[in-house]
Amino acid sequence: MSSLIIEQGHLVVADILFAEQIGAKRRLALVISNGEYNKKSEDIIVLKVTSHSSNTRYDLKLTNDDTINKSLKKDSTLMVDFPTVIMKERIIAMPDKINVRKLSEVKEKIKELYAI
């Protein structure tokens, strides 16, 4: 998968390490690193997607209305306050991409989180 063009806003399936860095889980994630970074780096920066909301002020709901291919199996939550770096080789699939409106919402939430 590392030879594919990976853009900001792509939804990817990848093996992502747990917060404790012990063990991994295959899960959906949203690419937030920009296209230029993604072309040059062996890594990408993603936000985890979960079907369970932790109800923090930095969670964003994600539904099929927010995606291009409508590939979500169920409504989910983007964990904006939980970015992680993964190697491109951990990507198993790229099933979808979020729409421009949702990507803008994610960027606004990131700005709020980092106060930038």
PDB file of N, CA and C in Angstrom:
ATOM      1  N   MET A   1       0.809  -1.204   0.000  1.00  0.00           N
ATOM      2  CA  MET A   1       0.000   0.000   0.000  1.00  0.00           C
ATOM      3  C   MET A   1       0.858   1.277   0.000  1.00  0.00           C
ATOM      4  N   SER A   2       2.137   1.166   0.313  1.00  0.00           N
ATOM      5  CA  SER A   2       2.959   2.367   0.432  1.00  0.00           C
ATOM      6  C   SER A   2       3.158   3.090  -0.892  1.00  0.00           C
ATOM      7  N   SER A   3       2.909   2.444  -2.033  1.00  0.00           N
ATOM      8  CA  SER A   3       3.078   3.096  -3.323  1.00  0.00           C
ATOM      9  C   SER A   3       1.820   3.844  -3.757  1.00  0.00           C
ATOM     10  N   LEU A   4       0.716   3.674  -3.040  1.00  0.00           N
ATOM     11  CA  LEU A   4      -0.522   4.358  -3.370  1.00  0.00           C
ATOM     12  C   LEU A   4      -0.446   5.829  -2.993  1.00  0.00           C
ATOM     13  N   ILE A   5      -1.243   6.624  -3.683  1.00  0.00           N
ATOM     14  CA  ILE A   5      -1.349   8.032  -3.327  1.00  0.00           C
ATOM     15  C   ILE A   5      -2.313   8.132  -2.152  1.00  0.00           C
ATOM     16  N   ILE A   6      -1.803   8.637  -1.050  1.00  0.00           N
ATOM     17  CA  ILE A   6      -2.594   8.758   0.170  1.00  0.00           C
ATOM     18  C   ILE A   6      -2.808  10.238   0.434  1.00  0.00           C
ATOM     19  N   GLU A   7      -4.071  10.627   0.462  1.00  0.00           N
ATOM     20  CA  GLU A   7      -4.414  12.027   0.631  1.00  0.00           C
ATOM     21  C   GLU A   7      -5.057  12.286   1.986  1.00  0.00           C
ATOM     22  N   GLN A   8      -4.942  13.519   2.426  1.00  0.00           N
ATOM     23  CA  GLN A   8      -5.640  13.941   3.628  1.00  0.00           C
ATOM     24  C   GLN A   8      -7.135  13.720   3.398  1.00  0.00           C
ATOM     25  N   GLY A   9      -7.786  13.104   4.378  1.00  0.00           N
ATOM     26  CA  GLY A   9      -9.210  12.827   4.253  1.00  0.00           C
ATOM     27  C   GLY A   9      -9.536  11.396   3.871  1.00  0.00           C
ATOM     28  N   HIS A  10      -8.524  10.626   3.444  1.00  0.00           N
ATOM     29  CA  HIS A  10      -8.759   9.211   3.152  1.00  0.00           C
ATOM     30  C   HIS A  10      -9.067   8.460   4.443  1.00  0.00           C
ATOM     31  N   LEU A  11      -9.977   7.528   4.361  1.00  0.00           N
ATOM     32  CA  LEU A  11     -10.208   6.578   5.444  1.00  0.00           C
ATOM     33  C   LEU A  11      -9.439   5.318   5.086  1.00  0.00           C
ATOM     34  N   VAL A  12      -8.617   4.855   6.014  1.00  0.00           N
ATOM     35  CA  VAL A  12      -7.787   3.679   5.774  1.00  0.00           C
ATOM     36  C   VAL A  12      -8.067   2.628   6.838  1.00  0.00           C
ATOM     37  N   VAL A  13      -7.836   1.391   6.485  1.00  0.00           N
ATOM     38  CA  VAL A  13      -7.867   0.293   7.447  1.00  0.00           C
ATOM     39  C   VAL A  13      -6.419  -0.087   7.685  1.00  0.00           C
ATOM     40  N   ALA A  14      -6.023  -0.117   8.960  1.00  0.00           N
ATOM     41  CA  ALA A  14      -4.622  -0.408   9.283  1.00  0.00           C
ATOM     42  C   ALA A  14      -4.524  -1.061  10.653  1.00  0.00           C
ATOM     43  N   ASP A  15      -3.410  -1.728  10.872  1.00  0.00           N
ATOM     44  CA  ASP A  15      -3.107  -2.264  12.192  1.00  0.00           C
ATOM     45  C   ASP A  15      -2.476  -1.128  12.992  1.00  0.00           C
ATOM     46  N   ILE A  16      -3.192  -0.677  14.022  1.00  0.00           N
ATOM     47  CA  ILE A  16      -2.760   0.475  14.803  1.00  0.00           C
ATOM     48  C   ILE A  16      -2.465   0.030  16.232  1.00  0.00           C
ATOM     49  N   LEU A  17      -1.304   0.459  16.724  1.00  0.00           N
ATOM     50  CA  LEU A  17      -0.894   0.106  18.087  1.00  0.00           C
ATOM     51  C   LEU A  17      -1.846   0.701  19.112  1.00  0.00           C
ATOM     52  N   PHE A  18      -2.027  -0.012  20.210  1.00  0.00           N
ATOM     53  CA  PHE A  18      -2.773   0.516  21.338  1.00  0.00           C
ATOM     54  C   PHE A  18      -1.969   1.647  21.968  1.00  0.00           C
ATOM     55  N   ALA A  19      -2.616   2.473  22.776  1.00  0.00           N
ATOM     56  CA  ALA A  19      -1.951   3.607  23.421  1.00  0.00           C
ATOM     57  C   ALA A  19      -0.736   3.163  24.232  1.00  0.00           C
ATOM     58  N   GLU A  20      -0.810   1.975  24.822  1.00  0.00           N
ATOM     59  CA  GLU A  20       0.292   1.461  25.639  1.00  0.00           C
ATOM     60  C   GLU A  20       1.458   0.950  24.789  1.00  0.00           C
ATOM     61  N   GLN A  21       1.277   0.972  23.462  1.00  0.00           N
ATOM     62  CA  GLN A  21       2.287   0.517  22.502  1.00  0.00           C
ATOM     63  C   GLN A  21       2.539  -0.985  22.585  1.00  0.00           C
ATOM     64  N   ILE A  22       1.623  -1.712  23.219  1.00  0.00           N
ATOM     65  CA  ILE A  22       1.720  -3.167  23.292  1.00  0.00           C
ATOM     66  C   ILE A  22       0.483  -3.732  22.614  1.00  0.00           C
ATOM     67  N   GLY A  23       0.682  -4.446  21.528  1.00  0.00           N
ATOM     68  CA  GLY A  23      -0.434  -4.997  20.787  1.00  0.00           C
ATOM     69  C   GLY A  23      -1.030  -3.979  19.825  1.00  0.00           C
ATOM     70  N   ALA A  24      -1.774  -4.476  18.866  1.00  0.00           N
ATOM     71  CA  ALA A  24      -2.379  -3.622  17.848  1.00  0.00           C
ATOM     72  C   ALA A  24      -3.771  -4.131  17.528  1.00  0.00           C
ATOM     73  N   LYS A  25      -4.544  -3.251  16.927  1.00  0.00           N
ATOM     74  CA  LYS A  25      -5.896  -3.608  16.515  1.00  0.00           C
ATOM     75  C   LYS A  25      -6.106  -3.124  15.089  1.00  0.00           C
ATOM     76  N   ARG A  26      -6.717  -3.948  14.287  1.00  0.00           N
ATOM     77  CA  ARG A  26      -7.059  -3.539  12.930  1.00  0.00           C
ATOM     78  C   ARG A  26      -8.276  -2.628  13.026  1.00  0.00           C
ATOM     79  N   ARG A  27      -8.109  -1.387  12.536  1.00  0.00           N
ATOM     80  CA  ARG A  27      -9.196  -0.434  12.679  1.00  0.00           C
ATOM     81  C   ARG A  27      -9.189   0.590  11.564  1.00  0.00           C
ATOM     82  N   LEU A  28     -10.293   1.282  11.475  1.00  0.00           N
ATOM     83  CA  LEU A  28     -10.442   2.372  10.521  1.00  0.00           C
ATOM     84  C   LEU A  28      -9.789   3.615  11.109  1.00  0.00           C
ATOM     85  N   ALA A  29      -9.162   4.413  10.256  1.00  0.00           N
ATOM     86  CA  ALA A  29      -8.523   5.648  10.699  1.00  0.00           C
ATOM     87  C   ALA A  29      -8.635   6.686   9.592  1.00  0.00           C
ATOM     88  N   LEU A  30      -8.597   7.945   9.983  1.00  0.00           N
ATOM     89  CA  LEU A  30      -8.675   9.058   9.041  1.00  0.00           C
ATOM     90  C   LEU A  30      -7.300   9.683   8.877  1.00  0.00           C
ATOM     91  N   VAL A  31      -6.842   9.793   7.638  1.00  0.00           N
ATOM     92  CA  VAL A  31      -5.548  10.426   7.350  1.00  0.00           C
ATOM     93  C   VAL A  31      -5.691  11.935   7.516  1.00  0.00           C
ATOM     94  N   ILE A  32      -4.851  12.527   8.379  1.00  0.00           N
ATOM     95  CA  ILE A  32      -4.876  13.979   8.572  1.00  0.00           C
ATOM     96  C   ILE A  32      -3.592  14.656   8.100  1.00  0.00           C
ATOM     97  N   SER A  33      -2.535  13.883   7.876  1.00  0.00           N
ATOM     98  CA  SER A  33      -1.316  14.492   7.335  1.00  0.00           C
ATOM     99  C   SER A  33      -1.587  14.902   5.888  1.00  0.00           C
ATOM    100  N   ASN A  34      -0.927  15.983   5.463  1.00  0.00           N
ATOM    101  CA  ASN A  34      -1.211  16.502   4.126  1.00  0.00           C
ATOM    102  C   ASN A  34      -0.533  15.692   3.020  1.00  0.00           C
ATOM    103  N   GLY A  35      -0.989  15.892   1.809  1.00  0.00           N
ATOM    104  CA  GLY A  35      -0.509  15.127   0.659  1.00  0.00           C
ATOM    105  C   GLY A  35       0.983  15.217   0.431  1.00  0.00           C
ATOM    106  N   GLU A  36       1.558  16.396   0.606  1.00  0.00           N
ATOM    107  CA  GLU A  36       3.001  16.566   0.406  1.00  0.00           C
ATOM    108  C   GLU A  36       3.784  15.715   1.405  1.00  0.00           C
ATOM    109  N   TYR A  37       3.382  15.768   2.668  1.00  0.00           N
ATOM    110  CA  TYR A  37       4.020  14.952   3.702  1.00  0.00           C
ATOM    111  C   TYR A  37       3.863  13.470   3.361  1.00  0.00           C
ATOM    112  N   ASN A  38       2.664  13.089   2.971  1.00  0.00           N
ATOM    113  CA  ASN A  38       2.376  11.686   2.682  1.00  0.00           C
ATOM    114  C   ASN A  38       3.200  11.148   1.515  1.00  0.00           C
ATOM    115  N   LYS A  39       3.501  11.986   0.532  1.00  0.00           N
ATOM    116  CA  LYS A  39       4.313  11.563  -0.615  1.00  0.00           C
ATOM    117  C   LYS A  39       5.764  11.301  -0.209  1.00  0.00           C
ATOM    118  N   LYS A  40       6.284  12.123   0.720  1.00  0.00           N
ATOM    119  CA  LYS A  40       7.705  12.078   1.052  1.00  0.00           C
ATOM    120  C   LYS A  40       8.050  11.165   2.220  1.00  0.00           C
ATOM    121  N   SER A  41       7.066  10.884   3.062  1.00  0.00           N
ATOM    122  CA  SER A  41       7.335  10.138   4.279  1.00  0.00           C
ATOM    123  C   SER A  41       6.904   8.674   4.149  1.00  0.00           C
ATOM    124  N   GLU A  42       7.541   7.821   4.926  1.00  0.00           N
ATOM    125  CA  GLU A  42       7.116   6.427   5.003  1.00  0.00           C
ATOM    126  C   GLU A  42       5.967   6.268   5.992  1.00  0.00           C
ATOM    127  N   ASP A  43       5.658   7.351   6.704  1.00  0.00           N
ATOM    128  CA  ASP A  43       4.596   7.350   7.704  1.00  0.00           C
ATOM    129  C   ASP A  43       3.450   8.259   7.274  1.00  0.00           C
ATOM    130  N   ILE A  44       2.316   8.103   7.936  1.00  0.00           N
ATOM    131  CA  ILE A  44       1.206   9.038   7.815  1.00  0.00           C
ATOM    132  C   ILE A  44       0.672   9.303   9.216  1.00  0.00           C
ATOM    133  N   ILE A  45      -0.014  10.419   9.369  1.00  0.00           N
ATOM    134  CA  ILE A  45      -0.628  10.758  10.652  1.00  0.00           C
ATOM    135  C   ILE A  45      -2.127  10.540  10.493  1.00  0.00           C
ATOM    136  N   VAL A  46      -2.695   9.811  11.439  1.00  0.00           N
ATOM    137  CA  VAL A  46      -4.113   9.463  11.359  1.00  0.00           C
ATOM    138  C   VAL A  46      -4.827   9.743  12.677  1.00  0.00           C
ATOM    139  N   LEU A  47      -6.143   9.817  12.577  1.00  0.00           N
ATOM    140  CA  LEU A  47      -7.009   9.850  13.747  1.00  0.00           C
ATOM    141  C   LEU A  47      -7.743   8.526  13.796  1.00  0.00           C
ATOM    142  N   LYS A  48      -7.826   7.950  14.976  1.00  0.00           N
ATOM    143  CA  LYS A  48      -8.538   6.681  15.125  1.00  0.00           C
ATOM    144  C   LYS A  48     -10.040   6.906  14.949  1.00  0.00           C
ATOM    145  N   VAL A  49     -10.688   5.905  14.398  1.00  0.00           N
ATOM    146  CA  VAL A  49     -12.140   5.887  14.269  1.00  0.00           C
ATOM    147  C   VAL A  49     -12.636   4.738  15.132  1.00  0.00           C
ATOM    148  N   THR A  50     -13.666   5.007  15.920  1.00  0.00           N
ATOM    149  CA  THR A  50     -14.205   3.985  16.809  1.00  0.00           C
ATOM    150  C   THR A  50     -15.726   3.962  16.724  1.00  0.00           C
ATOM    151  N   SER A  51     -16.287   2.849  17.071  1.00  0.00           N
ATOM    152  CA  SER A  51     -17.749   2.776  17.132  1.00  0.00           C
ATOM    153  C   SER A  51     -18.250   3.155  18.518  1.00  0.00           C
ATOM    154  N   HIS A  52     -17.315   3.382  19.450  1.00  0.00           N
ATOM    155  CA  HIS A  52     -17.670   3.763  20.820  1.00  0.00           C
ATOM    156  C   HIS A  52     -17.144   5.160  21.103  1.00  0.00           C
ATOM    157  N   SER A  53     -18.032   6.073  21.423  1.00  0.00           N
ATOM    158  CA  SER A  53     -17.623   7.436  21.723  1.00  0.00           C
ATOM    159  C   SER A  53     -17.172   7.535  23.178  1.00  0.00           C
ATOM    160  N   SER A  54     -16.090   8.251  23.401  1.00  0.00           N
ATOM    161  CA  SER A  54     -15.662   8.525  24.774  1.00  0.00           C
ATOM    162  C   SER A  54     -16.302   9.819  25.267  1.00  0.00           C
ATOM    163  N   ASN A  55     -17.078  10.437  24.383  1.00  0.00           N
ATOM    164  CA  ASN A  55     -17.826  11.658  24.709  1.00  0.00           C
ATOM    165  C   ASN A  55     -16.948  12.797  25.202  1.00  0.00           C
ATOM    166  N   THR A  56     -15.795  12.977  24.585  1.00  0.00           N
ATOM    167  CA  THR A  56     -14.993  14.150  24.902  1.00  0.00           C
ATOM    168  C   THR A  56     -15.431  15.272  23.962  1.00  0.00           C
ATOM    169  N   ARG A  57     -15.052  16.462  24.277  1.00  0.00           N
ATOM    170  CA  ARG A  57     -15.436  17.587  23.416  1.00  0.00           C
ATOM    171  C   ARG A  57     -14.690  17.561  22.083  1.00  0.00           C
ATOM    172  N   TYR A  58     -13.745  16.649  21.944  1.00  0.00           N
ATOM    173  CA  TYR A  58     -12.981  16.548  20.705  1.00  0.00           C
ATOM    174  C   TYR A  58     -13.393  15.355  19.845  1.00  0.00           C
ATOM    175  N   ASP A  59     -14.439  14.672  20.236  1.00  0.00           N
ATOM    176  CA  ASP A  59     -14.996  13.604  19.396  1.00  0.00           C
ATOM    177  C   ASP A  59     -15.876  14.228  18.321  1.00  0.00           C
ATOM    178  N   LEU A  60     -15.821  13.667  17.127  1.00  0.00           N
ATOM    179  CA  LEU A  60     -16.704  14.086  16.042  1.00  0.00           C
ATOM    180  C   LEU A  60     -17.437  12.863  15.503  1.00  0.00           C
ATOM    181  N   LYS A  61     -18.718  12.992  15.330  1.00  0.00           N
ATOM    182  CA  LYS A  61     -19.512  11.907  14.767  1.00  0.00           C
ATOM    183  C   LYS A  61     -19.155  11.739  13.294  1.00  0.00           C
ATOM    184  N   LEU A  62     -19.103  10.486  12.845  1.00  0.00           N
ATOM    185  CA  LEU A  62     -18.815  10.170  11.452  1.00  0.00           C
ATOM    186  C   LEU A  62     -19.888   9.213  10.949  1.00  0.00           C
ATOM    187  N   THR A  63     -20.608   9.625   9.923  1.00  0.00           N
ATOM    188  CA  THR A  63     -21.655   8.793   9.334  1.00  0.00           C
ATOM    189  C   THR A  63     -21.407   8.657   7.840  1.00  0.00           C
ATOM    190  N   ASN A  64     -22.179   7.811   7.189  1.00  0.00           N
ATOM    191  CA  ASN A  64     -22.046   7.659   5.744  1.00  0.00           C
ATOM    192  C   ASN A  64     -22.366   8.946   4.992  1.00  0.00           C
ATOM    193  N   ASP A  65     -23.128   9.849   5.602  1.00  0.00           N
ATOM    194  CA  ASP A  65     -23.384  11.151   4.983  1.00  0.00           C
ATOM    195  C   ASP A  65     -22.111  11.970   4.860  1.00  0.00           C
ATOM    196  N   ASP A  66     -21.084  11.627   5.649  1.00  0.00           N
ATOM    197  CA  ASP A  66     -19.806  12.342   5.653  1.00  0.00           C
ATOM    198  C   ASP A  66     -18.779  11.735   4.692  1.00  0.00           C
ATOM    199  N   THR A  67     -19.138  10.632   4.050  1.00  0.00           N
ATOM    200  CA  THR A  67     -18.170   9.920   3.211  1.00  0.00           C
ATOM    201  C   THR A  67     -18.578   9.920   1.740  1.00  0.00           C
ATOM    202  N   ILE A  68     -17.611   9.679   0.892  1.00  0.00           N
ATOM    203  CA  ILE A  68     -17.844   9.660  -0.556  1.00  0.00           C
ATOM    204  C   ILE A  68     -18.486   8.338  -0.991  1.00  0.00           C
ATOM    205  N   ASN A  69     -17.925   7.216  -0.549  1.00  0.00           N
ATOM    206  CA  ASN A  69     -18.386   5.896  -1.016  1.00  0.00           C
ATOM    207  C   ASN A  69     -19.429   5.241  -0.116  1.00  0.00           C
ATOM    208  N   LYS A  70     -19.775   5.895   0.980  1.00  0.00           N
ATOM    209  CA  LYS A  70     -20.801   5.365   1.907  1.00  0.00           C
ATOM    210  C   LYS A  70     -20.445   3.959   2.396  1.00  0.00           C
ATOM    211  N   SER A  71     -19.194   3.747   2.786  1.00  0.00           N
ATOM    212  CA  SER A  71     -18.706   2.410   3.128  1.00  0.00           C
ATOM    213  C   SER A  71     -18.716   2.082   4.625  1.00  0.00           C
ATOM    214  N   LEU A  72     -19.143   3.018   5.473  1.00  0.00           N
ATOM    215  CA  LEU A  72     -19.162   2.726   6.907  1.00  0.00           C
ATOM    216  C   LEU A  72     -20.207   1.669   7.218  1.00  0.00           C
ATOM    217  N   LYS A  73     -19.837   0.724   8.062  1.00  0.00           N
ATOM    218  CA  LYS A  73     -20.780  -0.318   8.468  1.00  0.00           C
ATOM    219  C   LYS A  73     -21.751   0.198   9.523  1.00  0.00           C
ATOM    220  N   LYS A  74     -21.298   1.200  10.316  1.00  0.00           N
ATOM    221  CA  LYS A  74     -22.176   1.822  11.309  1.00  0.00           C
ATOM    222  C   LYS A  74     -21.642   3.212  11.633  1.00  0.00           C
ATOM    223  N   ASP A  75     -22.513   4.023  12.222  1.00  0.00           N
ATOM    224  CA  ASP A  75     -22.078   5.349  12.640  1.00  0.00           C
ATOM    225  C   ASP A  75     -20.899   5.203  13.596  1.00  0.00           C
ATOM    226  N   SER A  76     -19.950   6.118  13.473  1.00  0.00           N
ATOM    227  CA  SER A  76     -18.704   6.010  14.225  1.00  0.00           C
ATOM    228  C   SER A  76     -18.323   7.354  14.820  1.00  0.00           C
ATOM    229  N   THR A  77     -17.178   7.358  15.485  1.00  0.00           N
ATOM    230  CA  THR A  77     -16.653   8.563  16.111  1.00  0.00           C
ATOM    231  C   THR A  77     -15.194   8.746  15.714  1.00  0.00           C
ATOM    232  N   LEU A  78     -14.863   9.966  15.290  1.00  0.00           N
ATOM    233  CA  LEU A  78     -13.467  10.337  15.036  1.00  0.00           C
ATOM    234  C   LEU A  78     -12.887  10.857  16.344  1.00  0.00           C
ATOM    235  N   MET A  79     -11.778  10.275  16.759  1.00  0.00           N
ATOM    236  CA  MET A  79     -11.125  10.684  17.998  1.00  0.00           C
ATOM    237  C   MET A  79     -10.063  11.737  17.670  1.00  0.00           C
ATOM    238  N   VAL A  80     -10.496  12.989  17.577  1.00  0.00           N
ATOM    239  CA  VAL A  80      -9.608  14.076  17.167  1.00  0.00           C
ATOM    240  C   VAL A  80      -8.478  14.276  18.164  1.00  0.00           C
ATOM    241  N   ASP A  81      -8.717  13.959  19.425  1.00  0.00           N
ATOM    242  CA  ASP A  81      -7.677  14.143  20.441  1.00  0.00           C
ATOM    243  C   ASP A  81      -6.778  12.913  20.591  1.00  0.00           C
ATOM    244  N   PHE A  82      -6.774  12.046  19.586  1.00  0.00           N
ATOM    245  CA  PHE A  82      -5.947  10.849  19.662  1.00  0.00           C
ATOM    246  C   PHE A  82      -5.238  10.587  18.331  1.00  0.00           C
ATOM    247  N   PRO A  83      -4.402  11.547  17.880  1.00  0.00           N
ATOM    248  CA  PRO A  83      -3.658  11.303  16.633  1.00  0.00           C
ATOM    249  C   PRO A  83      -2.576  10.260  16.850  1.00  0.00           C
ATOM    250  N   THR A  84      -2.259   9.547  15.805  1.00  0.00           N
ATOM    251  CA  THR A  84      -1.188   8.561  15.886  1.00  0.00           C
ATOM    252  C   THR A  84      -0.460   8.501  14.546  1.00  0.00           C
ATOM    253  N   VAL A  85       0.781   8.105  14.589  1.00  0.00           N
ATOM    254  CA  VAL A  85       1.595   7.959  13.382  1.00  0.00           C
ATOM    255  C   VAL A  85       1.695   6.475  13.069  1.00  0.00           C
ATOM    256  N   ILE A  86       1.427   6.142  11.798  1.00  0.00           N
ATOM    257  CA  ILE A  86       1.579   4.747  11.380  1.00  0.00           C
ATOM    258  C   ILE A  86       2.427   4.687  10.114  1.00  0.00           C
ATOM    259  N   MET A  87       3.079   3.577   9.944  1.00  0.00           N
ATOM    260  CA  MET A  87       3.838   3.345   8.720  1.00  0.00           C
ATOM    261  C   MET A  87       2.855   3.008   7.607  1.00  0.00           C
ATOM    262  N   LYS A  88       3.102   3.532   6.422  1.00  0.00           N
ATOM    263  CA  LYS A  88       2.220   3.258   5.286  1.00  0.00           C
ATOM    264  C   LYS A  88       2.062   1.760   5.031  1.00  0.00           C
ATOM    265  N   GLU A  89       3.111   0.995   5.321  1.00  0.00           N
ATOM    266  CA  GLU A  89       3.038  -0.444   5.066  1.00  0.00           C
ATOM    267  C   GLU A  89       2.022  -1.146   5.960  1.00  0.00           C
ATOM    268  N   ARG A  90       1.535  -0.466   7.009  1.00  0.00           N
ATOM    269  CA  ARG A  90       0.506  -1.044   7.883  1.00  0.00           C
ATOM    270  C   ARG A  90      -0.904  -0.892   7.294  1.00  0.00           C
ATOM    271  N   ILE A  91      -1.020  -0.107   6.223  1.00  0.00           N
ATOM    272  CA  ILE A  91      -2.335   0.099   5.602  1.00  0.00           C
ATOM    273  C   ILE A  91      -2.740  -1.155   4.843  1.00  0.00           C
ATOM    274  N   ILE A  92      -3.937  -1.616   5.125  1.00  0.00           N
ATOM    275  CA  ILE A  92      -4.469  -2.823   4.498  1.00  0.00           C
ATOM    276  C   ILE A  92      -5.440  -2.468   3.386  1.00  0.00           C
ATOM    277  N   ALA A  93      -6.190  -1.384   3.567  1.00  0.00           N
ATOM    278  CA  ALA A  93      -7.175  -0.964   2.567  1.00  0.00           C
ATOM    279  C   ALA A  93      -7.448   0.527   2.719  1.00  0.00           C
ATOM    280  N   MET A  94      -7.944   1.122   1.642  1.00  0.00           N
ATOM    281  CA  MET A  94      -8.397   2.513   1.656  1.00  0.00           C
ATOM    282  C   MET A  94      -9.825   2.520   1.109  1.00  0.00           C
ATOM    283  N   PRO A  95     -10.803   2.232   1.972  1.00  0.00           N
ATOM    284  CA  PRO A  95     -12.164   2.040   1.493  1.00  0.00           C
ATOM    285  C   PRO A  95     -12.941   3.304   1.157  1.00  0.00           C
ATOM    286  N   ASP A  96     -12.488   4.462   1.621  1.00  0.00           N
ATOM    287  CA  ASP A  96     -13.344   5.627   1.452  1.00  0.00           C
ATOM    288  C   ASP A  96     -12.554   6.906   1.679  1.00  0.00           C
ATOM    289  N   LYS A  97     -13.258   8.000   1.573  1.00  0.00           N
ATOM    290  CA  LYS A  97     -12.710   9.329   1.834  1.00  0.00           C
ATOM    291  C   LYS A  97     -13.848  10.173   2.406  1.00  0.00           C
ATOM    292  N   ILE A  98     -13.511  11.060   3.345  1.00  0.00           N
ATOM    293  CA  ILE A  98     -14.558  11.928   3.869  1.00  0.00           C
ATOM    294  C   ILE A  98     -14.760  13.107   2.923  1.00  0.00           C
ATOM    295  N   ASN A  99     -15.936  13.720   3.013  1.00  0.00           N
ATOM    296  CA  ASN A  99     -16.219  14.849   2.135  1.00  0.00           C
ATOM    297  C   ASN A  99     -15.559  16.126   2.657  1.00  0.00           C
ATOM    298  N   VAL A 100     -15.570  17.156   1.827  1.00  0.00           N
ATOM    299  CA  VAL A 100     -14.900  18.418   2.138  1.00  0.00           C
ATOM    300  C   VAL A 100     -15.486  19.058   3.397  1.00  0.00           C
ATOM    301  N   ARG A 101     -16.787  18.979   3.573  1.00  0.00           N
ATOM    302  CA  ARG A 101     -17.441  19.575   4.738  1.00  0.00           C
ATOM    303  C   ARG A 101     -16.932  18.933   6.035  1.00  0.00           C
ATOM    304  N   LYS A 102     -16.860  17.592   6.061  1.00  0.00           N
ATOM    305  CA  LYS A 102     -16.405  16.895   7.268  1.00  0.00           C
ATOM    306  C   LYS A 102     -14.919  17.149   7.507  1.00  0.00           C
ATOM    307  N   LEU A 103     -14.114  17.185   6.443  1.00  0.00           N
ATOM    308  CA  LEU A 103     -12.686  17.465   6.602  1.00  0.00           C
ATOM    309  C   LEU A 103     -12.486  18.852   7.210  1.00  0.00           C
ATOM    310  N   SER A 104     -13.286  19.812   6.787  1.00  0.00           N
ATOM    311  CA  SER A 104     -13.208  21.157   7.348  1.00  0.00           C
ATOM    312  C   SER A 104     -13.573  21.140   8.833  1.00  0.00           C
ATOM    313  N   GLU A 105     -14.565  20.359   9.193  1.00  0.00           N
ATOM    314  CA  GLU A 105     -14.976  20.215  10.592  1.00  0.00           C
ATOM    315  C   GLU A 105     -13.842  19.607  11.430  1.00  0.00           C
ATOM    316  N   VAL A 106     -13.174  18.606  10.869  1.00  0.00           N
ATOM    317  CA  VAL A 106     -12.053  17.961  11.561  1.00  0.00           C
ATOM    318  C   VAL A 106     -10.925  18.976  11.782  1.00  0.00           C
ATOM    319  N   LYS A 107     -10.611  19.753  10.756  1.00  0.00           N
ATOM    320  CA  LYS A 107      -9.543  20.747  10.875  1.00  0.00           C
ATOM    321  C   LYS A 107      -9.873  21.798  11.929  1.00  0.00           C
ATOM    322  N   GLU A 108     -11.120  22.225  11.986  1.00  0.00           N
ATOM    323  CA  GLU A 108     -11.531  23.196  12.998  1.00  0.00           C
ATOM    324  C   GLU A 108     -11.384  22.615  14.402  1.00  0.00           C
ATOM    325  N   LYS A 109     -11.727  21.345  14.560  1.00  0.00           N
ATOM    326  CA  LYS A 109     -11.621  20.686  15.866  1.00  0.00           C
ATOM    327  C   LYS A 109     -10.146  20.531  16.262  1.00  0.00           C
ATOM    328  N   ILE A 110      -9.275  20.251  15.284  1.00  0.00           N
ATOM    329  CA  ILE A 110      -7.830  20.166  15.559  1.00  0.00           C
ATOM    330  C   ILE A 110      -7.304  21.531  16.002  1.00  0.00           C
ATOM    331  N   LYS A 111      -7.729  22.593  15.318  1.00  0.00           N
ATOM    332  CA  LYS A 111      -7.318  23.954  15.710  1.00  0.00           C
ATOM    333  C   LYS A 111      -7.752  24.252  17.136  1.00  0.00           C
ATOM    334  N   GLU A 112      -8.978  23.854  17.473  1.00  0.00           N
ATOM    335  CA  GLU A 112      -9.491  24.077  18.822  1.00  0.00           C
ATOM    336  C   GLU A 112      -8.658  23.306  19.845  1.00  0.00           C
ATOM    337  N   LEU A 113      -8.342  22.045  19.520  1.00  0.00           N
ATOM    338  CA  LEU A 113      -7.571  21.197  20.431  1.00  0.00           C
ATOM    339  C   LEU A 113      -6.195  21.785  20.716  1.00  0.00           C
ATOM    340  N   TYR A 114      -5.515  22.239  19.678  1.00  0.00           N
ATOM    341  CA  TYR A 114      -4.158  22.751  19.839  1.00  0.00           C
ATOM    342  C   TYR A 114      -4.090  24.266  20.031  1.00  0.00           C
ATOM    343  N   ALA A 115      -5.257  24.913  20.065  1.00  0.00           N
ATOM    344  CA  ALA A 115      -5.332  26.367  20.246  1.00  0.00           C
ATOM    345  C   ALA A 115      -4.466  27.105  19.228  1.00  0.00           C
ATOM    346  N   ILE A 116      -4.634  26.718  17.943  1.00  0.00           N
ATOM    347  CA  ILE A 116      -3.874  27.382  16.874  1.00  0.00           C
ATOM    348  C   ILE A 116      -4.801  28.103  15.908  1.00  0.00           C
TER     349      ILE A 116
END
